[in-house]
Amino acid sequence: MAGKNPTSSVFTFWNASVLALGIVLAAMLYVFGIAMSGDTTELTASVHGADIMDTRDIPD
């Protein structure tokens, strides 16, 4: 054989995929947590051209 186990590259691919998925999910959880905290000024300030619409003080 050539000295490389073919199943090793498959496991490496899956490990990289799981790591990438974990990073994406952590980023989504971070953004969701900021949005749900009610203090989205920092999040909105990081988005160019975004406006903040505070509807908490509008009477019914």
N, C-alpha and C. Protein backbone atom coordinates (compact mmCIF):
# COMPACT_ATOMS: atom_id res chain seq x y z
N MET A 1 0.83 -1.18 0.00
CA MET A 1 0.00 0.00 0.00
C MET A 1 0.88 1.25 0.00
N ALA A 2 0.27 2.37 -0.20
CA ALA A 2 0.99 3.64 -0.31
C ALA A 2 1.37 4.19 1.06
N GLY A 3 0.92 3.59 2.12
CA GLY A 3 1.27 4.05 3.46
C GLY A 3 0.24 4.98 4.08
N LYS A 4 -0.82 5.30 3.36
CA LYS A 4 -1.86 6.17 3.91
C LYS A 4 -3.17 5.39 3.96
N ASN A 5 -3.80 5.43 5.09
CA ASN A 5 -5.06 4.73 5.28
C ASN A 5 -6.19 5.57 4.69
N PRO A 6 -6.98 5.05 3.74
CA PRO A 6 -8.05 5.85 3.13
C PRO A 6 -9.12 6.28 4.13
N THR A 7 -9.35 5.50 5.16
CA THR A 7 -10.37 5.88 6.14
C THR A 7 -9.89 7.04 7.01
N SER A 8 -8.59 7.23 7.09
CA SER A 8 -8.05 8.35 7.87
C SER A 8 -8.46 9.68 7.26
N SER A 9 -8.44 9.78 5.93
CA SER A 9 -8.84 11.04 5.29
C SER A 9 -10.33 11.29 5.44
N VAL A 10 -11.12 10.22 5.49
CA VAL A 10 -12.57 10.37 5.71
C VAL A 10 -12.82 10.91 7.11
N PHE A 11 -12.12 10.37 8.11
CA PHE A 11 -12.29 10.85 9.48
C PHE A 11 -11.80 12.29 9.62
N THR A 12 -10.74 12.65 8.92
CA THR A 12 -10.25 14.02 8.95
C THR A 12 -11.28 14.97 8.35
N PHE A 13 -11.92 14.56 7.25
CA PHE A 13 -12.96 15.36 6.63
C PHE A 13 -14.12 15.58 7.60
N TRP A 14 -14.57 14.51 8.27
CA TRP A 14 -15.69 14.64 9.20
C TRP A 14 -15.32 15.49 10.40
N ASN A 15 -14.10 15.36 10.89
CA ASN A 15 -13.66 16.18 12.02
C ASN A 15 -13.65 17.66 11.63
N ALA A 16 -13.17 17.97 10.45
CA ALA A 16 -13.16 19.36 9.98
C ALA A 16 -14.58 19.87 9.79
N SER A 17 -15.46 19.04 9.30
CA SER A 17 -16.85 19.43 9.09
C SER A 17 -17.54 19.72 10.41
N VAL A 18 -17.33 18.87 11.39
CA VAL A 18 -17.95 19.06 12.70
C VAL A 18 -17.39 20.32 13.37
N LEU A 19 -16.11 20.56 13.23
CA LEU A 19 -15.50 21.76 13.79
C LEU A 19 -16.07 23.02 13.14
N ALA A 20 -16.20 23.02 11.82
CA ALA A 20 -16.77 24.17 11.12
C ALA A 20 -18.23 24.39 11.52
N LEU A 21 -18.99 23.33 11.66
CA LEU A 21 -20.38 23.44 12.09
C LEU A 21 -20.47 24.01 13.50
N GLY A 22 -19.59 23.57 14.37
CA GLY A 22 -19.57 24.10 15.74
C GLY A 22 -19.26 25.59 15.77
N ILE A 23 -18.34 26.03 14.93
CA ILE A 23 -18.00 27.45 14.89
C ILE A 23 -19.18 28.27 14.37
N VAL A 24 -19.85 27.78 13.34
CA VAL A 24 -21.00 28.49 12.78
C VAL A 24 -22.13 28.55 13.81
N LEU A 25 -22.40 27.47 14.49
CA LEU A 25 -23.47 27.46 15.49
C LEU A 25 -23.14 28.36 16.67
N ALA A 26 -21.88 28.41 17.08
CA ALA A 26 -21.48 29.30 18.17
C ALA A 26 -21.66 30.76 17.77
N ALA A 27 -21.33 31.10 16.54
CA ALA A 27 -21.52 32.47 16.06
C ALA A 27 -23.00 32.83 16.00
N MET A 28 -23.83 31.90 15.55
CA MET A 28 -25.27 32.16 15.50
C MET A 28 -25.84 32.31 16.89
N LEU A 29 -25.38 31.51 17.83
CA LEU A 29 -25.84 31.61 19.21
C LEU A 29 -25.43 32.94 19.82
N TYR A 30 -24.23 33.42 19.51
CA TYR A 30 -23.76 34.70 20.01
C TYR A 30 -24.63 35.84 19.47
N VAL A 31 -24.90 35.84 18.17
CA VAL A 31 -25.72 36.90 17.57
C VAL A 31 -27.15 36.82 18.10
N PHE A 32 -27.70 35.64 18.22
CA PHE A 32 -29.04 35.47 18.76
C PHE A 32 -29.11 35.95 20.21
N GLY A 33 -28.09 35.66 20.99
CA GLY A 33 -28.06 36.11 22.38
C GLY A 33 -28.01 37.62 22.49
N ILE A 34 -27.24 38.27 21.63
CA ILE A 34 -27.20 39.73 21.63
C ILE A 34 -28.55 40.30 21.23
N ALA A 35 -29.16 39.73 20.21
CA ALA A 35 -30.46 40.22 19.74
C ALA A 35 -31.54 40.04 20.79
N MET A 36 -31.51 38.93 21.52
CA MET A 36 -32.54 38.66 22.52
C MET A 36 -32.31 39.42 23.82
N SER A 37 -31.11 39.96 24.01
CA SER A 37 -30.84 40.66 25.26
C SER A 37 -31.53 42.02 25.31
N GLY A 38 -31.97 42.52 24.17
CA GLY A 38 -32.65 43.80 24.13
C GLY A 38 -31.71 44.98 23.92
N ASP A 39 -30.44 44.77 24.03
CA ASP A 39 -29.46 45.83 23.82
C ASP A 39 -28.74 45.56 22.51
N THR A 40 -29.38 45.95 21.42
CA THR A 40 -28.84 45.65 20.10
C THR A 40 -28.05 46.81 19.53
N THR A 41 -27.70 47.79 20.35
CA THR A 41 -26.96 48.94 19.84
C THR A 41 -25.62 48.51 19.26
N GLU A 42 -24.89 47.65 19.96
CA GLU A 42 -23.59 47.20 19.47
C GLU A 42 -23.75 46.36 18.21
N LEU A 43 -24.78 45.54 18.18
CA LEU A 43 -25.00 44.69 17.01
C LEU A 43 -25.38 45.55 15.81
N THR A 44 -26.27 46.51 16.01
CA THR A 44 -26.71 47.36 14.91
C THR A 44 -25.60 48.28 14.45
N ALA A 45 -24.79 48.76 15.38
CA ALA A 45 -23.69 49.66 15.02
C ALA A 45 -22.67 48.95 14.13
N SER A 46 -22.58 47.63 14.27
CA SER A 46 -21.61 46.90 13.46
C SER A 46 -22.13 46.64 12.04
N VAL A 47 -23.43 46.87 11.80
CA VAL A 47 -24.01 46.68 10.48
C VAL A 47 -24.12 48.05 9.82
N HIS A 48 -23.40 48.24 8.72
CA HIS A 48 -23.35 49.53 8.04
C HIS A 48 -24.72 49.90 7.48
N GLY A 49 -25.22 51.07 7.84
CA GLY A 49 -26.48 51.57 7.29
C GLY A 49 -27.72 51.08 8.01
N ALA A 50 -27.57 50.37 9.12
CA ALA A 50 -28.73 49.86 9.84
C ALA A 50 -29.29 50.93 10.77
N ASP A 51 -30.59 50.92 10.95
CA ASP A 51 -31.26 51.87 11.84
C ASP A 51 -31.84 51.12 13.02
N ILE A 52 -31.86 51.80 14.18
CA ILE A 52 -32.44 51.22 15.38
C ILE A 52 -33.86 51.75 15.52
N MET A 53 -34.82 50.85 15.63
CA MET A 53 -36.21 51.23 15.84
C MET A 53 -36.63 50.71 17.21
N ASP A 54 -36.67 51.60 18.19
CA ASP A 54 -37.05 51.21 19.55
C ASP A 54 -38.55 51.38 19.69
N THR A 55 -39.28 50.27 19.78
CA THR A 55 -40.73 50.30 19.88
C THR A 55 -41.21 50.02 21.28
N ARG A 56 -40.32 50.02 22.24
CA ARG A 56 -40.74 49.69 23.61
C ARG A 56 -41.55 50.80 24.26
N ASP A 57 -41.34 52.07 23.85
CA ASP A 57 -42.01 53.19 24.51
C ASP A 57 -43.20 53.72 23.73
N ILE A 58 -43.62 53.03 22.69
CA ILE A 58 -44.78 53.48 21.91
C ILE A 58 -46.04 53.05 22.64
N PRO A 59 -46.95 54.01 22.93
CA PRO A 59 -48.20 53.64 23.62
C PRO A 59 -49.10 52.79 22.72
N ASP A 60 -49.93 51.99 23.34
CA ASP A 60 -50.84 51.10 22.59
C ASP A 60 -51.90 51.87 21.88
